[in-house]
Amino acid sequence: MKLPNINILDEKNKVLRQKSLEVTFPLTKEDKKIINDSLRYLEMSQIEKYIEKYDLRSGMGLSFIQLGIPKRIFVASDELEGGSFKRYVFINPEIISKSEELIYVGEGEGCLSVNRDIEGIVPRHARITIKAYDENGKPFQLRFREDLAILCQHEIDHLNGILFVDWIDKKNPYKNKNLMREI
């Protein structure tokens, strides 16, 4: 399989701090191509032979703004047992409910745009419900928990010009850790 031509912006790029714009339907052919290329890139980044062959960092989610396109679209690909993937496309996503319980990623949150080790924890809601549209403009709602809830919050932050590092307290990177559950 050939790696799609995806150019992910680095955290130093000011474009990542832009708030992405609502998308109108129908999607352009180019938007559909970028969605498919992004999903294929994410899936390849989770398969060992492609990680080695193309020197990839593993990722589950990617927002259009990370490609320099300020549109409210993000995609996610979750590897299932047996090596298959569950694909998600979120257009104009909105979190409509969230749990009070907070969680964090024990080994630290990561990002394809942040190519350095980051110390600290990012407080995230353990469960969320998202309202969004699919590629055909059809509305849907999905409820996520734990790792997929974190992924969606991370990507929606991107659409709002926020990087995960912004949530880490600079003076106390593990602040309130005892008030959250590690996953």
N, C-alpha and C. Protein backbone atom coordinates (compact mmCIF):
# COMPACT_ATOMS: atom_id res chain seq x y z
N MET A 1 0.86 -1.18 0.00
CA MET A 1 0.00 0.00 0.00
C MET A 1 0.89 1.24 0.00
N LYS A 2 0.51 2.23 -0.79
CA LYS A 2 1.28 3.46 -0.90
C LYS A 2 0.77 4.48 0.12
N LEU A 3 1.70 5.14 0.77
CA LEU A 3 1.35 6.15 1.77
C LEU A 3 0.73 7.37 1.08
N PRO A 4 -0.45 7.82 1.54
CA PRO A 4 -1.06 9.02 0.94
C PRO A 4 -0.17 10.24 1.16
N ASN A 5 -0.27 11.20 0.27
CA ASN A 5 0.51 12.43 0.37
C ASN A 5 -0.16 13.38 1.36
N ILE A 6 0.15 13.17 2.62
CA ILE A 6 -0.42 13.95 3.72
C ILE A 6 0.71 14.75 4.36
N ASN A 7 0.51 16.05 4.47
CA ASN A 7 1.52 16.91 5.09
C ASN A 7 0.94 17.49 6.38
N ILE A 8 1.35 16.93 7.51
CA ILE A 8 0.83 17.35 8.81
C ILE A 8 1.65 18.51 9.35
N LEU A 9 0.95 19.59 9.70
CA LEU A 9 1.62 20.78 10.21
C LEU A 9 2.22 20.54 11.59
N ASP A 10 3.36 21.17 11.84
CA ASP A 10 4.02 21.13 13.13
C ASP A 10 3.39 22.16 14.07
N GLU A 11 3.47 21.90 15.36
CA GLU A 11 2.87 22.79 16.36
C GLU A 11 3.33 24.25 16.26
N LYS A 12 4.48 24.49 15.67
CA LYS A 12 4.97 25.88 15.53
C LYS A 12 4.20 26.66 14.48
N ASN A 13 3.47 25.97 13.61
CA ASN A 13 2.72 26.63 12.55
C ASN A 13 1.49 27.33 13.12
N LYS A 14 1.40 28.64 12.89
CA LYS A 14 0.32 29.46 13.45
C LYS A 14 -1.07 29.06 12.94
N VAL A 15 -1.14 28.39 11.80
CA VAL A 15 -2.43 27.95 11.25
C VAL A 15 -3.16 27.06 12.26
N LEU A 16 -2.41 26.27 13.04
CA LEU A 16 -3.02 25.38 14.01
C LEU A 16 -3.79 26.13 15.10
N ARG A 17 -3.53 27.41 15.24
CA ARG A 17 -4.21 28.22 16.26
C ARG A 17 -5.47 28.89 15.72
N GLN A 18 -5.78 28.66 14.44
CA GLN A 18 -7.00 29.22 13.86
C GLN A 18 -8.21 28.39 14.26
N LYS A 19 -9.34 29.07 14.41
CA LYS A 19 -10.60 28.37 14.63
C LYS A 19 -11.12 27.95 13.26
N SER A 20 -11.44 26.67 13.12
CA SER A 20 -11.92 26.16 11.83
C SER A 20 -13.35 26.60 11.56
N LEU A 21 -13.68 26.68 10.28
CA LEU A 21 -14.98 27.18 9.83
C LEU A 21 -15.96 26.04 9.58
N GLU A 22 -17.25 26.33 9.81
CA GLU A 22 -18.32 25.36 9.53
C GLU A 22 -18.25 24.94 8.07
N VAL A 23 -18.63 23.71 7.81
CA VAL A 23 -18.61 23.14 6.47
C VAL A 23 -20.03 23.15 5.91
N THR A 24 -20.15 23.47 4.62
CA THR A 24 -21.45 23.38 3.95
C THR A 24 -21.45 22.16 3.03
N PHE A 25 -22.61 21.67 2.76
CA PHE A 25 -22.77 20.48 1.93
C PHE A 25 -23.34 20.87 0.58
N PRO A 26 -23.07 20.09 -0.48
CA PRO A 26 -22.29 18.86 -0.48
C PRO A 26 -20.79 19.15 -0.36
N LEU A 27 -20.06 18.13 0.11
CA LEU A 27 -18.61 18.23 0.20
C LEU A 27 -18.02 18.27 -1.21
N THR A 28 -16.87 18.90 -1.32
CA THR A 28 -16.17 18.91 -2.61
C THR A 28 -15.49 17.56 -2.80
N LYS A 29 -15.14 17.25 -4.05
CA LYS A 29 -14.39 16.03 -4.35
C LYS A 29 -13.07 16.03 -3.58
N GLU A 30 -12.45 17.21 -3.50
CA GLU A 30 -11.17 17.34 -2.80
C GLU A 30 -11.33 17.02 -1.31
N ASP A 31 -12.41 17.50 -0.68
CA ASP A 31 -12.65 17.19 0.74
C ASP A 31 -12.81 15.69 0.93
N LYS A 32 -13.56 15.04 0.05
CA LYS A 32 -13.77 13.59 0.15
C LYS A 32 -12.45 12.83 -0.02
N LYS A 33 -11.61 13.31 -0.92
CA LYS A 33 -10.30 12.68 -1.14
C LYS A 33 -9.43 12.83 0.11
N ILE A 34 -9.44 14.02 0.70
CA ILE A 34 -8.63 14.26 1.90
C ILE A 34 -9.13 13.40 3.06
N ILE A 35 -10.44 13.23 3.18
CA ILE A 35 -11.00 12.36 4.21
C ILE A 35 -10.46 10.94 4.03
N ASN A 36 -10.57 10.41 2.82
CA ASN A 36 -10.11 9.04 2.56
C ASN A 36 -8.60 8.90 2.73
N ASP A 37 -7.84 9.87 2.23
CA ASP A 37 -6.38 9.83 2.38
C ASP A 37 -5.98 9.88 3.86
N SER A 38 -6.67 10.72 4.62
CA SER A 38 -6.36 10.86 6.05
C SER A 38 -6.64 9.57 6.80
N LEU A 39 -7.76 8.93 6.50
CA LEU A 39 -8.10 7.67 7.15
C LEU A 39 -7.08 6.58 6.79
N ARG A 40 -6.68 6.53 5.52
CA ARG A 40 -5.69 5.53 5.11
C ARG A 40 -4.35 5.80 5.81
N TYR A 41 -3.96 7.07 5.89
CA TYR A 41 -2.72 7.45 6.58
C TYR A 41 -2.77 6.97 8.05
N LEU A 42 -3.88 7.26 8.73
CA LEU A 42 -4.01 6.86 10.14
C LEU A 42 -3.91 5.35 10.29
N GLU A 43 -4.57 4.63 9.41
CA GLU A 43 -4.55 3.17 9.49
C GLU A 43 -3.15 2.63 9.23
N MET A 44 -2.46 3.18 8.25
CA MET A 44 -1.09 2.75 7.97
C MET A 44 -0.18 3.07 9.16
N SER A 45 -0.46 4.19 9.85
CA SER A 45 0.37 4.59 10.98
C SER A 45 0.17 3.68 12.20
N GLN A 46 -0.81 2.80 12.13
CA GLN A 46 -1.06 1.86 13.24
C GLN A 46 -0.61 0.44 12.90
N ILE A 47 -0.03 0.25 11.71
CA ILE A 47 0.43 -1.07 11.28
C ILE A 47 1.96 -1.08 11.27
N GLU A 48 2.53 -1.99 12.02
CA GLU A 48 3.98 -2.02 12.27
C GLU A 48 4.82 -1.96 10.99
N LYS A 49 4.48 -2.74 9.97
CA LYS A 49 5.33 -2.76 8.77
C LYS A 49 5.35 -1.39 8.06
N TYR A 50 4.25 -0.64 8.12
CA TYR A 50 4.23 0.69 7.50
C TYR A 50 4.90 1.73 8.40
N ILE A 51 4.78 1.54 9.70
CA ILE A 51 5.46 2.45 10.64
C ILE A 51 6.96 2.42 10.35
N GLU A 52 7.50 1.21 10.18
CA GLU A 52 8.94 1.06 9.91
C GLU A 52 9.29 1.53 8.50
N LYS A 53 8.51 1.11 7.51
CA LYS A 53 8.81 1.44 6.12
C LYS A 53 8.81 2.95 5.86
N TYR A 54 7.82 3.66 6.44
CA TYR A 54 7.66 5.09 6.17
C TYR A 54 8.07 5.98 7.34
N ASP A 55 8.60 5.38 8.42
CA ASP A 55 9.00 6.12 9.61
C ASP A 55 7.84 6.97 10.14
N LEU A 56 6.73 6.31 10.42
CA LEU A 56 5.52 7.00 10.86
C LEU A 56 5.39 7.00 12.38
N ARG A 57 4.76 8.04 12.89
CA ARG A 57 4.32 8.06 14.28
C ARG A 57 2.86 7.62 14.27
N SER A 58 2.51 6.78 15.20
CA SER A 58 1.16 6.22 15.25
C SER A 58 0.14 7.28 15.64
N GLY A 59 -1.01 7.26 14.95
CA GLY A 59 -2.09 8.20 15.25
C GLY A 59 -3.44 7.58 14.99
N MET A 60 -4.43 8.03 15.75
CA MET A 60 -5.81 7.54 15.59
C MET A 60 -6.73 8.61 15.02
N GLY A 61 -6.36 9.88 15.16
CA GLY A 61 -7.23 10.97 14.72
C GLY A 61 -6.46 12.05 14.00
N LEU A 62 -7.16 12.74 13.11
CA LEU A 62 -6.54 13.82 12.34
C LEU A 62 -7.60 14.84 11.96
N SER A 63 -7.31 16.10 12.24
CA SER A 63 -8.22 17.19 11.89
C SER A 63 -7.74 17.88 10.63
N PHE A 64 -8.67 18.39 9.85
CA PHE A 64 -8.31 19.09 8.62
C PHE A 64 -7.36 20.26 8.90
N ILE A 65 -7.52 20.93 10.05
CA ILE A 65 -6.65 22.07 10.36
C ILE A 65 -5.19 21.62 10.47
N GLN A 66 -4.96 20.38 10.85
CA GLN A 66 -3.58 19.87 10.94
C GLN A 66 -2.96 19.72 9.55
N LEU A 67 -3.80 19.77 8.53
CA LEU A 67 -3.32 19.72 7.14
C LEU A 67 -3.32 21.11 6.52
N GLY A 68 -3.60 22.12 7.35
CA GLY A 68 -3.62 23.50 6.87
C GLY A 68 -4.96 23.91 6.27
N ILE A 69 -6.00 23.11 6.51
CA ILE A 69 -7.33 23.39 5.96
C ILE A 69 -8.28 23.72 7.10
N PRO A 70 -8.67 24.99 7.24
CA PRO A 70 -9.49 25.41 8.39
C PRO A 70 -10.98 25.08 8.23
N LYS A 71 -11.27 23.79 8.09
CA LYS A 71 -12.67 23.33 8.00
C LYS A 71 -12.95 22.43 9.19
N ARG A 72 -14.18 22.48 9.71
CA ARG A 72 -14.55 21.71 10.90
C ARG A 72 -14.82 20.25 10.53
N ILE A 73 -13.72 19.56 10.20
CA ILE A 73 -13.78 18.14 9.86
C ILE A 73 -12.63 17.44 10.58
N PHE A 74 -12.95 16.30 11.20
CA PHE A 74 -11.87 15.43 11.66
C PHE A 74 -12.27 13.98 11.41
N VAL A 75 -11.25 13.15 11.30
CA VAL A 75 -11.46 11.73 11.07
C VAL A 75 -10.74 10.95 12.17
N ALA A 76 -11.21 9.72 12.38
CA ALA A 76 -10.58 8.85 13.35
C ALA A 76 -10.67 7.42 12.83
N SER A 77 -9.67 6.64 13.17
CA SER A 77 -9.66 5.24 12.79
C SER A 77 -9.19 4.43 13.99
N ASP A 78 -10.07 3.56 14.46
CA ASP A 78 -9.82 2.77 15.66
C ASP A 78 -9.54 1.33 15.24
N GLU A 79 -8.36 0.83 15.58
CA GLU A 79 -8.01 -0.55 15.22
C GLU A 79 -8.79 -1.53 16.08
N LEU A 80 -9.44 -2.47 15.42
CA LEU A 80 -10.23 -3.50 16.09
C LEU A 80 -9.42 -4.79 16.14
N GLU A 81 -9.92 -5.76 16.86
CA GLU A 81 -9.25 -7.07 16.88
C GLU A 81 -9.27 -7.65 15.47
N GLY A 82 -8.20 -8.33 15.12
CA GLY A 82 -8.13 -8.95 13.80
C GLY A 82 -7.55 -8.03 12.74
N GLY A 83 -7.11 -6.85 13.14
CA GLY A 83 -6.44 -5.95 12.20
C GLY A 83 -7.35 -5.12 11.32
N SER A 84 -8.65 -5.15 11.58
CA SER A 84 -9.54 -4.26 10.81
C SER A 84 -9.69 -2.94 11.57
N PHE A 85 -10.32 -1.96 10.92
CA PHE A 85 -10.45 -0.63 11.50
C PHE A 85 -11.89 -0.15 11.46
N LYS A 86 -12.29 0.57 12.49
CA LYS A 86 -13.59 1.26 12.51
C LYS A 86 -13.28 2.71 12.17
N ARG A 87 -13.86 3.18 11.07
CA ARG A 87 -13.62 4.54 10.60
C ARG A 87 -14.72 5.49 11.07
N TYR A 88 -14.29 6.70 11.41
CA TYR A 88 -15.24 7.74 11.82
C TYR A 88 -14.93 9.02 11.04
N VAL A 89 -15.98 9.69 10.58
CA VAL A 89 -15.84 11.01 9.94
C VAL A 89 -16.80 11.94 10.66
N PHE A 90 -16.26 13.03 11.18
CA PHE A 90 -17.06 14.01 11.92
C PHE A 90 -16.99 15.36 11.20
N ILE A 91 -18.12 15.85 10.76
CA ILE A 91 -18.18 17.16 10.11
C ILE A 91 -19.05 18.07 10.97
N ASN A 92 -18.54 19.25 11.26
CA ASN A 92 -19.19 20.22 12.16
C ASN A 92 -19.56 19.57 13.50
N PRO A 93 -18.60 18.88 14.14
CA PRO A 93 -18.91 18.17 15.39
C PRO A 93 -19.15 19.12 16.55
N GLU A 94 -19.97 18.65 17.46
CA GLU A 94 -20.29 19.43 18.65
C GLU A 94 -20.51 18.45 19.80
N ILE A 95 -19.87 18.72 20.93
CA ILE A 95 -20.10 17.89 22.12
C ILE A 95 -21.40 18.39 22.76
N ILE A 96 -22.38 17.49 22.89
CA ILE A 96 -23.67 17.91 23.44
C ILE A 96 -23.89 17.44 24.87
N SER A 97 -23.08 16.48 25.33
CA SER A 97 -23.11 16.12 26.75
C SER A 97 -21.77 15.50 27.13
N LYS A 98 -21.44 15.64 28.41
CA LYS A 98 -20.16 15.10 28.90
C LYS A 98 -20.31 14.70 30.36
N SER A 99 -19.57 13.69 30.73
CA SER A 99 -19.61 13.21 32.11
C SER A 99 -18.88 14.18 33.02
N GLU A 100 -19.23 14.12 34.29
CA GLU A 100 -18.48 14.90 35.28
C GLU A 100 -17.14 14.24 35.56
N GLU A 101 -17.10 12.92 35.45
CA GLU A 101 -15.86 12.18 35.73
C GLU A 101 -14.77 12.58 34.75
N LEU A 102 -13.59 12.86 35.29
CA LEU A 102 -12.45 13.23 34.46
C LEU A 102 -11.43 12.08 34.44
N ILE A 103 -10.80 11.93 33.29
CA ILE A 103 -9.77 10.91 33.11
C ILE A 103 -8.56 11.55 32.43
N TYR A 104 -7.47 10.81 32.36
CA TYR A 104 -6.29 11.26 31.62
C TYR A 104 -5.53 10.04 31.12
N VAL A 105 -4.72 10.26 30.09
CA VAL A 105 -3.92 9.18 29.51
C VAL A 105 -2.66 9.04 30.36
N GLY A 106 -2.48 7.85 30.94
CA GLY A 106 -1.35 7.62 31.85
C GLY A 106 0.01 7.89 31.24
N GLU A 107 0.24 7.43 30.02
CA GLU A 107 1.55 7.65 29.40
C GLU A 107 1.64 9.01 28.73
N GLY A 108 0.59 9.81 28.85
CA GLY A 108 0.58 11.15 28.28
C GLY A 108 -0.10 11.17 26.92
N GLU A 109 -0.81 12.24 26.68
CA GLU A 109 -1.49 12.41 25.41
C GLU A 109 -0.46 12.74 24.34
N GLY A 110 -0.74 12.37 23.10
CA GLY A 110 0.16 12.66 21.99
C GLY A 110 -0.59 13.31 20.85
N CYS A 111 0.17 13.79 19.87
CA CYS A 111 -0.44 14.48 18.74
C CYS A 111 0.51 14.39 17.55
N LEU A 112 -0.04 14.15 16.37
CA LEU A 112 0.79 14.08 15.16
C LEU A 112 1.42 15.43 14.82
N SER A 113 0.91 16.52 15.38
CA SER A 113 1.49 17.84 15.15
C SER A 113 2.52 18.23 16.20
N VAL A 114 2.60 17.47 17.29
CA VAL A 114 3.54 17.77 18.38
C VAL A 114 4.57 16.64 18.42
N ASN A 115 5.74 16.93 17.86
CA ASN A 115 6.76 15.90 17.69
C ASN A 115 7.84 16.01 18.77
N ARG A 116 7.38 15.95 20.02
CA ARG A 116 8.31 15.99 21.15
C ARG A 116 7.61 15.36 22.35
N ASP A 117 8.39 14.93 23.32
CA ASP A 117 7.82 14.37 24.53
C ASP A 117 7.28 15.49 25.40
N ILE A 118 6.09 15.28 25.95
CA ILE A 118 5.44 16.28 26.80
C ILE A 118 5.16 15.65 28.15
N GLU A 119 5.60 16.31 29.21
CA GLU A 119 5.31 15.86 30.57
C GLU A 119 4.00 16.49 31.03
N GLY A 120 3.16 15.69 31.66
CA GLY A 120 1.95 16.24 32.25
C GLY A 120 0.70 15.51 31.81
N ILE A 121 -0.40 15.88 32.46
CA ILE A 121 -1.68 15.25 32.17
C ILE A 121 -2.68 16.26 31.62
N VAL A 122 -3.56 15.74 30.78
CA VAL A 122 -4.61 16.56 30.17
C VAL A 122 -5.94 16.04 30.71
N PRO A 123 -6.65 16.85 31.50
CA PRO A 123 -7.95 16.41 32.01
C PRO A 123 -8.96 16.31 30.86
N ARG A 124 -9.63 15.17 30.78
CA ARG A 124 -10.65 14.94 29.75
C ARG A 124 -11.87 14.31 30.40
N HIS A 125 -13.02 14.52 29.79
CA HIS A 125 -14.25 13.88 30.27
C HIS A 125 -14.22 12.41 29.90
N ALA A 126 -14.66 11.55 30.81
CA ALA A 126 -14.62 10.10 30.60
C ALA A 126 -15.62 9.65 29.54
N ARG A 127 -16.74 10.34 29.44
CA ARG A 127 -17.78 10.00 28.46
C ARG A 127 -18.31 11.27 27.83
N ILE A 128 -18.54 11.21 26.53
CA ILE A 128 -19.12 12.37 25.82
C ILE A 128 -20.11 11.87 24.77
N THR A 129 -21.02 12.74 24.41
CA THR A 129 -21.90 12.49 23.27
C THR A 129 -21.64 13.59 22.25
N ILE A 130 -21.44 13.18 21.01
CA ILE A 130 -21.13 14.11 19.92
C ILE A 130 -22.27 14.11 18.92
N LYS A 131 -22.60 15.30 18.47
CA LYS A 131 -23.53 15.48 17.36
C LYS A 131 -22.69 15.99 16.19
N ALA A 132 -22.85 15.38 15.01
CA ALA A 132 -22.07 15.78 13.84
C ALA A 132 -22.82 15.36 12.58
N TYR A 133 -22.14 15.53 11.45
CA TYR A 133 -22.68 15.13 10.15
C TYR A 133 -21.68 14.19 9.49
N ASP A 134 -22.20 13.27 8.66
CA ASP A 134 -21.32 12.41 7.88
C ASP A 134 -21.00 13.09 6.55
N GLU A 135 -20.27 12.37 5.69
CA GLU A 135 -19.83 12.96 4.40
C GLU A 135 -20.99 13.37 3.49
N ASN A 136 -22.15 12.77 3.72
CA ASN A 136 -23.31 13.08 2.88
C ASN A 136 -24.22 14.14 3.50
N GLY A 137 -23.80 14.70 4.62
CA GLY A 137 -24.59 15.75 5.26
C GLY A 137 -25.68 15.20 6.17
N LYS A 138 -25.64 13.90 6.45
CA LYS A 138 -26.64 13.27 7.31
C LYS A 138 -26.21 13.42 8.78
N PRO A 139 -27.10 13.99 9.62
CA PRO A 139 -26.75 14.17 11.03
C PRO A 139 -26.73 12.84 11.78
N PHE A 140 -25.88 12.77 12.80
CA PHE A 140 -25.83 11.59 13.66
C PHE A 140 -25.35 12.01 15.04
N GLN A 141 -25.58 11.12 16.01
CA GLN A 141 -25.08 11.30 17.37
C GLN A 141 -24.39 10.01 17.79
N LEU A 142 -23.26 10.14 18.45
CA LEU A 142 -22.55 8.98 18.98
C LEU A 142 -22.08 9.28 20.40
N ARG A 143 -22.11 8.25 21.23
CA ARG A 143 -21.59 8.36 22.59
C ARG A 143 -20.27 7.59 22.65
N PHE A 144 -19.26 8.21 23.24
CA PHE A 144 -17.95 7.58 23.37
C PHE A 144 -17.52 7.58 24.82
N ARG A 145 -16.66 6.63 25.12
CA ARG A 145 -16.09 6.58 26.47
C ARG A 145 -14.59 6.33 26.37
N GLU A 146 -13.89 6.76 27.40
CA GLU A 146 -12.46 6.52 27.56
C GLU A 146 -11.62 6.98 26.38
N ASP A 147 -10.88 6.05 25.72
CA ASP A 147 -9.90 6.48 24.71
C ASP A 147 -10.55 7.20 23.52
N LEU A 148 -11.70 6.74 23.06
CA LEU A 148 -12.34 7.43 21.93
C LEU A 148 -12.95 8.77 22.37
N ALA A 149 -13.37 8.87 23.62
CA ALA A 149 -13.85 10.15 24.14
C ALA A 149 -12.69 11.15 24.19
N ILE A 150 -11.53 10.69 24.64
CA ILE A 150 -10.35 11.55 24.67
C ILE A 150 -9.97 11.98 23.26
N LEU A 151 -9.94 11.04 22.34
CA LEU A 151 -9.59 11.35 20.95
C LEU A 151 -10.51 12.44 20.38
N CYS A 152 -11.81 12.29 20.59
CA CYS A 152 -12.76 13.27 20.04
C CYS A 152 -12.57 14.65 20.68
N GLN A 153 -12.35 14.70 21.99
CA GLN A 153 -12.11 15.98 22.65
C GLN A 153 -10.84 16.63 22.12
N HIS A 154 -9.80 15.82 21.91
CA HIS A 154 -8.52 16.30 21.37
C HIS A 154 -8.72 16.91 19.98
N GLU A 155 -9.46 16.21 19.12
CA GLU A 155 -9.65 16.68 17.74
C GLU A 155 -10.57 17.91 17.69
N ILE A 156 -11.60 17.94 18.52
CA ILE A 156 -12.46 19.13 18.56
C ILE A 156 -11.68 20.33 19.06
N ASP A 157 -10.77 20.10 20.01
CA ASP A 157 -9.86 21.18 20.43
C ASP A 157 -9.10 21.73 19.23
N HIS A 158 -8.57 20.84 18.38
CA HIS A 158 -7.86 21.29 17.17
C HIS A 158 -8.74 22.22 16.35
N LEU A 159 -10.00 21.85 16.18
CA LEU A 159 -10.91 22.66 15.36
C LEU A 159 -11.15 24.05 15.98
N ASN A 160 -10.86 24.16 17.28
CA ASN A 160 -11.01 25.44 17.98
C ASN A 160 -9.68 26.14 18.21
N GLY A 161 -8.61 25.65 17.56
CA GLY A 161 -7.30 26.29 17.66
C GLY A 161 -6.55 25.97 18.94
N ILE A 162 -6.92 24.88 19.61
CA ILE A 162 -6.32 24.50 20.88
C ILE A 162 -5.49 23.23 20.70
N LEU A 163 -4.29 23.22 21.25
CA LEU A 163 -3.45 22.01 21.28
C LEU A 163 -3.51 21.41 22.67
N PHE A 164 -3.32 20.10 22.76
CA PHE A 164 -3.43 19.43 24.07
C PHE A 164 -2.46 20.01 25.09
N VAL A 165 -1.31 20.50 24.64
CA VAL A 165 -0.32 21.06 25.57
C VAL A 165 -0.86 22.28 26.30
N ASP A 166 -1.87 22.94 25.71
CA ASP A 166 -2.47 24.12 26.34
C ASP A 166 -3.19 23.77 27.64
N TRP A 167 -3.61 22.52 27.78
CA TRP A 167 -4.36 22.10 28.96
C TRP A 167 -3.44 21.69 30.12
N ILE A 168 -2.16 21.54 29.86
CA ILE A 168 -1.22 21.10 30.90
C ILE A 168 -0.73 22.32 31.68
N ASP A 169 -0.86 22.25 33.00
CA ASP A 169 -0.40 23.33 33.87
C ASP A 169 1.12 23.38 33.83
N LYS A 170 1.67 24.50 33.38
CA LYS A 170 3.13 24.61 33.20
C LYS A 170 3.89 24.50 34.53
N LYS A 171 3.33 25.06 35.61
CA LYS A 171 4.01 25.04 36.90
C LYS A 171 3.84 23.70 37.63
N ASN A 172 2.71 23.03 37.35
CA ASN A 172 2.41 21.77 38.03
C ASN A 172 1.77 20.81 37.01
N PRO A 173 2.59 20.15 36.17
CA PRO A 173 2.07 19.33 35.07
C PRO A 173 1.16 18.17 35.48
N TYR A 174 1.21 17.77 36.75
CA TYR A 174 0.37 16.67 37.22
C TYR A 174 -0.70 17.15 38.21
N LYS A 175 -1.04 18.42 38.08
CA LYS A 175 -2.02 19.06 38.96
C LYS A 175 -3.35 18.31 38.95
N ASN A 176 -3.88 18.08 40.14
CA ASN A 176 -5.18 17.42 40.35
C ASN A 176 -5.25 15.99 39.83
N LYS A 177 -4.10 15.37 39.63
CA LYS A 177 -4.05 13.98 39.15
C LYS A 177 -4.89 13.07 40.04
N ASN A 178 -4.86 13.32 41.34
CA ASN A 178 -5.60 12.50 42.30
C ASN A 178 -7.13 12.64 42.16
N LEU A 179 -7.59 13.65 41.42
CA LEU A 179 -9.04 13.86 41.23
C LEU A 179 -9.55 13.21 39.94
N MET A 180 -8.63 12.54 39.20
CA MET A 180 -8.99 11.94 37.92
C MET A 180 -8.59 10.48 37.90
N ARG A 181 -9.18 9.77 36.93
CA ARG A 181 -8.85 8.35 36.75
C ARG A 181 -7.91 8.20 35.56
N GLU A 182 -6.86 7.42 35.77
CA GLU A 182 -5.91 7.16 34.69
C GLU A 182 -6.42 6.05 33.78
N ILE A 183 -6.26 6.23 32.49
CA ILE A 183 -6.56 5.12 31.57
C ILE A 183 -5.30 4.79 30.78
